[in-house]
């Protein structure tokens, strides 16, 4: 077990350095903290099997090579070219994800504008603009779904926070516009809600 731990820790360190990554950069790609990566490289802990598989995919090696073969025995041909190709591939993947996220976001607002135009034709109560208010939390939900799949913990934290406060603001404005009631105290729900979000985010960082 100790030999495996030493092999894995040495290989992770060597692969990371060969790819020109910092511990923080590798941690971000694996959705861990740089402290966790440091523990792996010093042999203080082993990544779980899913993370080992992700490391293999990231560096283009087999599980056997990562776990059982010292880095000197791992065949990494033209490592600089391979690292450059991985970096280009990651940038392309990130660019695609950003474009899809923005397209989804603006699709919500396209629908909101369409609803606004239709309401202008068929309704005359002057409240068609509320379609834009409702579009805010809907677009936040779309963003949250996409960033939860594609992006890191910090982006998810920001998205959840934006969703909670936009929902509260939507309830407040709806009550004010349709019922004439100043429902300002609904924002008090955001205080414990924000604390829960922060605690959840902190817990995830500790567990990582």
C-alpha atoms as a PDB file:
ATOM      1  CA  UNK A   1       0.000   0.000   0.000  1.00  0.00           C
ATOM      2  CA  UNK A   2       2.834   2.380   0.880  1.00  0.00           C
ATOM      3  CA  UNK A   3       4.563   1.596  -2.419  1.00  0.00           C
ATOM      4  CA  UNK A   4       1.369   2.352  -4.333  1.00  0.00           C
ATOM      5  CA  UNK A   5       0.916   5.598  -2.406  1.00  0.00           C
ATOM      6  CA  UNK A   6       4.508   6.625  -3.138  1.00  0.00           C
ATOM      7  CA  UNK A   7       4.143   5.732  -6.816  1.00  0.00           C
ATOM      8  CA  UNK A   8       0.892   7.625  -7.222  1.00  0.00           C
ATOM      9  CA  UNK A   9       2.163  10.684  -5.350  1.00  0.00           C
ATOM     10  CA  UNK A  10       5.368  10.785  -7.394  1.00  0.00           C
ATOM     11  CA  UNK A  11       3.511  10.309 -10.648  1.00  0.00           C
ATOM     12  CA  UNK A  12       0.966  13.033  -9.920  1.00  0.00           C
ATOM     13  CA  UNK A  13       3.782  15.445  -9.067  1.00  0.00           C
ATOM     14  CA  UNK A  14       5.787  14.543 -12.170  1.00  0.00           C
ATOM     15  CA  UNK A  15       2.804  14.687 -14.511  1.00  0.00           C
ATOM     16  CA  UNK A  16       1.667  18.015 -13.134  1.00  0.00           C
ATOM     17  CA  UNK A  17       5.120  19.551 -13.488  1.00  0.00           C
ATOM     18  CA  UNK A  18       5.568  18.110 -16.974  1.00  0.00           C
ATOM     19  CA  UNK A  19       2.269  19.710 -17.979  1.00  0.00           C
ATOM     20  CA  UNK A  20       3.382  23.053 -16.531  1.00  0.00           C
ATOM     21  CA  UNK A  21       0.490  23.190 -14.067  1.00  0.00           C
ATOM     22  CA  UNK A  22       0.435  24.611 -10.575  1.00  0.00           C
ATOM     23  CA  UNK A  23      -1.235  22.696  -7.778  1.00  0.00           C
ATOM     24  CA  UNK A  24      -4.093  25.195  -7.864  1.00  0.00           C
ATOM     25  CA  UNK A  25      -4.604  24.688 -11.614  1.00  0.00           C
ATOM     26  CA  UNK A  26      -4.697  20.906 -11.274  1.00  0.00           C
ATOM     27  CA  UNK A  27      -7.027  21.207  -8.289  1.00  0.00           C
ATOM     28  CA  UNK A  28      -9.422  23.378 -10.289  1.00  0.00           C
ATOM     29  CA  UNK A  29      -9.548  20.857 -13.132  1.00  0.00           C
ATOM     30  CA  UNK A  30     -10.290  18.034 -10.670  1.00  0.00           C
ATOM     31  CA  UNK A  31     -12.700  20.136  -8.568  1.00  0.00           C
ATOM     32  CA  UNK A  32     -10.519  19.844  -5.451  1.00  0.00           C
ATOM     33  CA  UNK A  33      -8.480  22.263  -3.382  1.00  0.00           C
ATOM     34  CA  UNK A  34      -4.765  22.824  -3.859  1.00  0.00           C
ATOM     35  CA  UNK A  35      -4.300  21.479  -0.308  1.00  0.00           C
ATOM     36  CA  UNK A  36      -5.747  18.144  -1.399  1.00  0.00           C
ATOM     37  CA  UNK A  37      -3.359  18.021  -4.382  1.00  0.00           C
ATOM     38  CA  UNK A  38      -0.465  18.853  -2.050  1.00  0.00           C
ATOM     39  CA  UNK A  39      -1.423  15.937   0.218  1.00  0.00           C
ATOM     40  CA  UNK A  40      -1.505  13.585  -2.766  1.00  0.00           C
ATOM     41  CA  UNK A  41       1.909  14.705  -3.967  1.00  0.00           C
ATOM     42  CA  UNK A  42       3.432  14.320  -0.499  1.00  0.00           C
ATOM     43  CA  UNK A  43       1.962  10.860  -0.077  1.00  0.00           C
ATOM     44  CA  UNK A  44      -0.243  11.928   2.819  1.00  0.00           C
ATOM     45  CA  UNK A  45      -3.442  10.832   1.077  1.00  0.00           C
ATOM     46  CA  UNK A  46      -4.634   9.000  -2.033  1.00  0.00           C
ATOM     47  CA  UNK A  47      -7.283  10.294  -4.453  1.00  0.00           C
ATOM     48  CA  UNK A  48     -10.421   8.186  -4.713  1.00  0.00           C
ATOM     49  CA  UNK A  49     -10.838   5.872  -7.696  1.00  0.00           C
ATOM     50  CA  UNK A  50     -12.981   8.363  -9.610  1.00  0.00           C
ATOM     51  CA  UNK A  51     -10.356  11.087  -9.214  1.00  0.00           C
ATOM     52  CA  UNK A  52      -7.584   8.691 -10.257  1.00  0.00           C
ATOM     53  CA  UNK A  53      -9.540   7.923 -13.421  1.00  0.00           C
ATOM     54  CA  UNK A  54      -9.966  11.664 -14.080  1.00  0.00           C
ATOM     55  CA  UNK A  55      -6.203  12.209 -13.619  1.00  0.00           C
ATOM     56  CA  UNK A  56      -5.545   9.433 -16.141  1.00  0.00           C
ATOM     57  CA  UNK A  57      -7.931  11.048 -18.606  1.00  0.00           C
ATOM     58  CA  UNK A  58      -6.414  14.489 -18.039  1.00  0.00           C
ATOM     59  CA  UNK A  59      -2.833  13.365 -18.677  1.00  0.00           C
ATOM     60  CA  UNK A  60      -3.589  10.683 -21.261  1.00  0.00           C
ATOM     61  CA  UNK A  61      -2.204   7.675 -19.365  1.00  0.00           C
ATOM     62  CA  UNK A  62      -3.608   4.357 -18.163  1.00  0.00           C
ATOM     63  CA  UNK A  63      -4.599   3.542 -14.614  1.00  0.00           C
ATOM     64  CA  UNK A  64      -1.876   0.869 -14.441  1.00  0.00           C
ATOM     65  CA  UNK A  65       0.748   3.455 -15.424  1.00  0.00           C
ATOM     66  CA  UNK A  66      -0.426   5.915 -12.806  1.00  0.00           C
ATOM     67  CA  UNK A  67      -0.727   3.435  -9.946  1.00  0.00           C
ATOM     68  CA  UNK A  68       1.974   0.836 -10.568  1.00  0.00           C
ATOM     69  CA  UNK A  69       4.691   2.416 -12.756  1.00  0.00           C
ATOM     70  CA  UNK A  70       7.163   5.054 -11.573  1.00  0.00           C
ATOM     71  CA  UNK A  71       7.153   8.138 -13.750  1.00  0.00           C
ATOM     72  CA  UNK A  72      10.478   7.165 -15.312  1.00  0.00           C
ATOM     73  CA  UNK A  73       8.784   4.090 -16.782  1.00  0.00           C
ATOM     74  CA  UNK A  74       5.730   5.929 -18.113  1.00  0.00           C
ATOM     75  CA  UNK A  75       5.926   6.510 -21.846  1.00  0.00           C
ATOM     76  CA  UNK A  76       5.084  10.194 -22.314  1.00  0.00           C
ATOM     77  CA  UNK A  77       6.035  11.054 -25.862  1.00  0.00           C
ATOM     78  CA  UNK A  78       6.645  14.679 -26.707  1.00  0.00           C
ATOM     79  CA  UNK A  79       5.275  15.807 -23.365  1.00  0.00           C
ATOM     80  CA  UNK A  80       5.501  19.490 -24.243  1.00  0.00           C
ATOM     81  CA  UNK A  81       3.445  18.973 -27.401  1.00  0.00           C
ATOM     82  CA  UNK A  82       0.971  16.829 -25.502  1.00  0.00           C
ATOM     83  CA  UNK A  83       0.648  19.465 -22.798  1.00  0.00           C
ATOM     84  CA  UNK A  84       0.100  22.160 -25.415  1.00  0.00           C
ATOM     85  CA  UNK A  85      -2.570  20.051 -27.104  1.00  0.00           C
ATOM     86  CA  UNK A  86      -4.302  19.419 -23.777  1.00  0.00           C
ATOM     87  CA  UNK A  87      -4.219  23.115 -22.967  1.00  0.00           C
ATOM     88  CA  UNK A  88      -5.673  23.970 -26.378  1.00  0.00           C
ATOM     89  CA  UNK A  89      -8.338  21.286 -25.970  1.00  0.00           C
ATOM     90  CA  UNK A  90      -9.245  22.579 -22.510  1.00  0.00           C
ATOM     91  CA  UNK A  91      -9.511  26.132 -23.835  1.00  0.00           C
ATOM     92  CA  UNK A  92     -11.702  24.955 -26.706  1.00  0.00           C
ATOM     93  CA  UNK A  93     -13.899  23.009 -24.298  1.00  0.00           C
ATOM     94  CA  UNK A  94     -14.164  25.990 -21.958  1.00  0.00           C
ATOM     95  CA  UNK A  95     -15.008  28.315 -24.845  1.00  0.00           C
ATOM     96  CA  UNK A  96     -17.739  25.951 -26.041  1.00  0.00           C
ATOM     97  CA  UNK A  97     -19.212  25.686 -22.557  1.00  0.00           C
ATOM     98  CA  UNK A  98     -19.239  29.457 -22.147  1.00  0.00           C
ATOM     99  CA  UNK A  99     -20.946  29.925 -25.524  1.00  0.00           C
ATOM    100  CA  UNK A 100     -23.610  27.301 -24.723  1.00  0.00           C
ATOM    101  CA  UNK A 101     -24.184  28.868 -21.301  1.00  0.00           C
ATOM    102  CA  UNK A 102     -24.590  32.349 -22.797  1.00  0.00           C
ATOM    103  CA  UNK A 103     -26.880  31.035 -25.543  1.00  0.00           C
ATOM    104  CA  UNK A 104     -29.104  29.361 -22.948  1.00  0.00           C
ATOM    105  CA  UNK A 105     -29.102  32.502 -20.812  1.00  0.00           C
ATOM    106  CA  UNK A 106     -30.112  34.788 -23.666  1.00  0.00           C
ATOM    107  CA  UNK A 107     -32.692  32.278 -24.896  1.00  0.00           C
ATOM    108  CA  UNK A 108     -34.554  32.891 -21.643  1.00  0.00           C
ATOM    109  CA  UNK A 109     -34.450  36.620 -22.291  1.00  0.00           C
ATOM    110  CA  UNK A 110     -35.548  36.107 -25.883  1.00  0.00           C
ATOM    111  CA  UNK A 111     -38.650  34.334 -24.548  1.00  0.00           C
ATOM    112  CA  UNK A 112     -39.132  37.132 -22.006  1.00  0.00           C
ATOM    113  CA  UNK A 113     -39.072  39.756 -24.773  1.00  0.00           C
ATOM    114  CA  UNK A 114     -41.489  37.673 -26.842  1.00  0.00           C
ATOM    115  CA  UNK A 115     -43.899  37.381 -23.897  1.00  0.00           C
ATOM    116  CA  UNK A 116     -43.583  41.130 -23.294  1.00  0.00           C
ATOM    117  CA  UNK A 117     -44.489  41.895 -26.920  1.00  0.00           C
ATOM    118  CA  UNK A 118     -47.474  39.518 -26.859  1.00  0.00           C
ATOM    119  CA  UNK A 119     -48.747  40.978 -23.602  1.00  0.00           C
ATOM    120  CA  UNK A 120     -48.455  44.458 -25.069  1.00  0.00           C
ATOM    121  CA  UNK A 121     -50.884  43.369 -27.780  1.00  0.00           C
ATOM    122  CA  UNK A 122     -53.365  41.441 -25.645  1.00  0.00           C
ATOM    123  CA  UNK A 123     -53.110  43.040 -22.210  1.00  0.00           C
ATOM    124  CA  UNK A 124     -53.539  46.686 -21.328  1.00  0.00           C
ATOM    125  CA  UNK A 125     -52.856  46.757 -17.599  1.00  0.00           C
ATOM    126  CA  UNK A 126     -49.321  48.085 -18.039  1.00  0.00           C
ATOM    127  CA  UNK A 127     -47.725  45.100 -16.323  1.00  0.00           C
ATOM    128  CA  UNK A 128     -46.194  43.399 -19.349  1.00  0.00           C
ATOM    129  CA  UNK A 129     -42.760  44.458 -18.114  1.00  0.00           C
ATOM    130  CA  UNK A 130     -43.094  41.859 -15.322  1.00  0.00           C
ATOM    131  CA  UNK A 131     -42.045  39.260 -17.879  1.00  0.00           C
ATOM    132  CA  UNK A 132     -38.516  40.648 -17.518  1.00  0.00           C
ATOM    133  CA  UNK A 133     -38.702  40.347 -13.724  1.00  0.00           C
ATOM    134  CA  UNK A 134     -39.668  36.675 -13.960  1.00  0.00           C
ATOM    135  CA  UNK A 135     -36.928  36.096 -16.520  1.00  0.00           C
ATOM    136  CA  UNK A 136     -34.265  36.896 -13.912  1.00  0.00           C
ATOM    137  CA  UNK A 137     -34.757  33.846 -11.611  1.00  0.00           C
ATOM    138  CA  UNK A 138     -35.493  31.607 -14.614  1.00  0.00           C
ATOM    139  CA  UNK A 139     -32.198  32.598 -16.221  1.00  0.00           C
ATOM    140  CA  UNK A 140     -30.457  32.044 -12.873  1.00  0.00           C
ATOM    141  CA  UNK A 141     -31.887  28.499 -12.755  1.00  0.00           C
ATOM    142  CA  UNK A 142     -30.607  27.821 -16.277  1.00  0.00           C
ATOM    143  CA  UNK A 143     -27.165  29.131 -15.332  1.00  0.00           C
ATOM    144  CA  UNK A 144     -27.106  27.079 -12.140  1.00  0.00           C
ATOM    145  CA  UNK A 145     -27.896  23.863 -14.004  1.00  0.00           C
ATOM    146  CA  UNK A 146     -25.146  24.455 -16.559  1.00  0.00           C
ATOM    147  CA  UNK A 147     -22.439  25.679 -14.175  1.00  0.00           C
ATOM    148  CA  UNK A 148     -23.164  22.767 -11.816  1.00  0.00           C
ATOM    149  CA  UNK A 149     -22.206  20.395 -14.624  1.00  0.00           C
ATOM    150  CA  UNK A 150     -19.342  22.306 -16.199  1.00  0.00           C
ATOM    151  CA  UNK A 151     -17.755  24.753 -13.783  1.00  0.00           C
ATOM    152  CA  UNK A 152     -16.171  24.831 -10.353  1.00  0.00           C
ATOM    153  CA  UNK A 153     -17.467  25.167  -6.819  1.00  0.00           C
ATOM    154  CA  UNK A 154     -16.992  28.944  -6.616  1.00  0.00           C
ATOM    155  CA  UNK A 155     -19.078  29.570  -9.730  1.00  0.00           C
ATOM    156  CA  UNK A 156     -21.817  27.300  -8.317  1.00  0.00           C
ATOM    157  CA  UNK A 157     -21.719  29.273  -5.067  1.00  0.00           C
ATOM    158  CA  UNK A 158     -22.198  32.558  -6.916  1.00  0.00           C
ATOM    159  CA  UNK A 159     -24.993  31.093  -9.062  1.00  0.00           C
ATOM    160  CA  UNK A 160     -26.920  29.715  -6.080  1.00  0.00           C
ATOM    161  CA  UNK A 161     -26.579  33.028  -4.254  1.00  0.00           C
ATOM    162  CA  UNK A 162     -27.838  34.947  -7.294  1.00  0.00           C
ATOM    163  CA  UNK A 163     -30.764  32.531  -7.662  1.00  0.00           C
ATOM    164  CA  UNK A 164     -31.875  32.854  -4.025  1.00  0.00           C
ATOM    165  CA  UNK A 165     -31.819  36.657  -3.988  1.00  0.00           C
ATOM    166  CA  UNK A 166     -33.416  36.978  -7.427  1.00  0.00           C
ATOM    167  CA  UNK A 167     -36.276  34.703  -6.303  1.00  0.00           C
ATOM    168  CA  UNK A 168     -36.823  36.820  -3.202  1.00  0.00           C
ATOM    169  CA  UNK A 169     -36.728  40.013  -5.264  1.00  0.00           C
ATOM    170  CA  UNK A 170     -39.233  38.526  -7.712  1.00  0.00           C
ATOM    171  CA  UNK A 171     -41.648  37.662  -4.893  1.00  0.00           C
ATOM    172  CA  UNK A 172     -41.251  41.154  -3.427  1.00  0.00           C
ATOM    173  CA  UNK A 173     -41.900  42.934  -6.744  1.00  0.00           C
ATOM    174  CA  UNK A 174     -44.818  40.635  -7.600  1.00  0.00           C
ATOM    175  CA  UNK A 175     -46.528  41.331  -4.283  1.00  0.00           C
ATOM    176  CA  UNK A 176     -45.928  45.059  -4.694  1.00  0.00           C
ATOM    177  CA  UNK A 177     -47.214  45.216  -8.272  1.00  0.00           C
ATOM    178  CA  UNK A 178     -50.158  42.811  -8.146  1.00  0.00           C
ATOM    179  CA  UNK A 179     -51.277  43.134  -4.517  1.00  0.00           C
ATOM    180  CA  UNK A 180     -49.983  46.574  -3.604  1.00  0.00           C
ATOM    181  CA  UNK A 181     -48.367  45.047  -0.544  1.00  0.00           C
ATOM    182  CA  UNK A 182     -44.862  46.029   0.581  1.00  0.00           C
ATOM    183  CA  UNK A 183     -43.580  42.547   1.326  1.00  0.00           C
ATOM    184  CA  UNK A 184     -40.073  43.768   2.218  1.00  0.00           C
ATOM    185  CA  UNK A 185     -39.588  41.266   5.050  1.00  0.00           C
ATOM    186  CA  UNK A 186     -39.407  38.449   2.504  1.00  0.00           C
ATOM    187  CA  UNK A 187     -35.742  39.459   2.167  1.00  0.00           C
ATOM    188  CA  UNK A 188     -35.209  38.302   5.761  1.00  0.00           C
ATOM    189  CA  UNK A 189     -35.399  34.750   4.394  1.00  0.00           C
ATOM    190  CA  UNK A 190     -32.264  35.527   2.430  1.00  0.00           C
ATOM    191  CA  UNK A 191     -30.169  35.910   5.589  1.00  0.00           C
ATOM    192  CA  UNK A 192     -30.431  32.312   6.870  1.00  0.00           C
ATOM    193  CA  UNK A 193     -30.524  31.156   3.254  1.00  0.00           C
ATOM    194  CA  UNK A 194     -27.206  32.867   2.531  1.00  0.00           C
ATOM    195  CA  UNK A 195     -25.692  31.452   5.719  1.00  0.00           C
ATOM    196  CA  UNK A 196     -26.744  27.935   4.670  1.00  0.00           C
ATOM    197  CA  UNK A 197     -25.172  28.460   1.241  1.00  0.00           C
ATOM    198  CA  UNK A 198     -21.915  29.698   2.786  1.00  0.00           C
ATOM    199  CA  UNK A 199     -21.805  26.770   5.231  1.00  0.00           C
ATOM    200  CA  UNK A 200     -22.480  24.314   2.390  1.00  0.00           C
ATOM    201  CA  UNK A 201     -19.697  25.864   0.322  1.00  0.00           C
ATOM    202  CA  UNK A 202     -17.298  25.802   3.297  1.00  0.00           C
ATOM    203  CA  UNK A 203     -18.174  22.175   4.052  1.00  0.00           C
ATOM    204  CA  UNK A 204     -17.452  21.162   0.454  1.00  0.00           C
ATOM    205  CA  UNK A 205     -14.061  22.869   0.659  1.00  0.00           C
ATOM    206  CA  UNK A 206     -13.202  21.075   3.918  1.00  0.00           C
ATOM    207  CA  UNK A 207     -14.279  17.705   2.536  1.00  0.00           C
ATOM    208  CA  UNK A 208     -12.187  18.280  -0.546  1.00  0.00           C
END
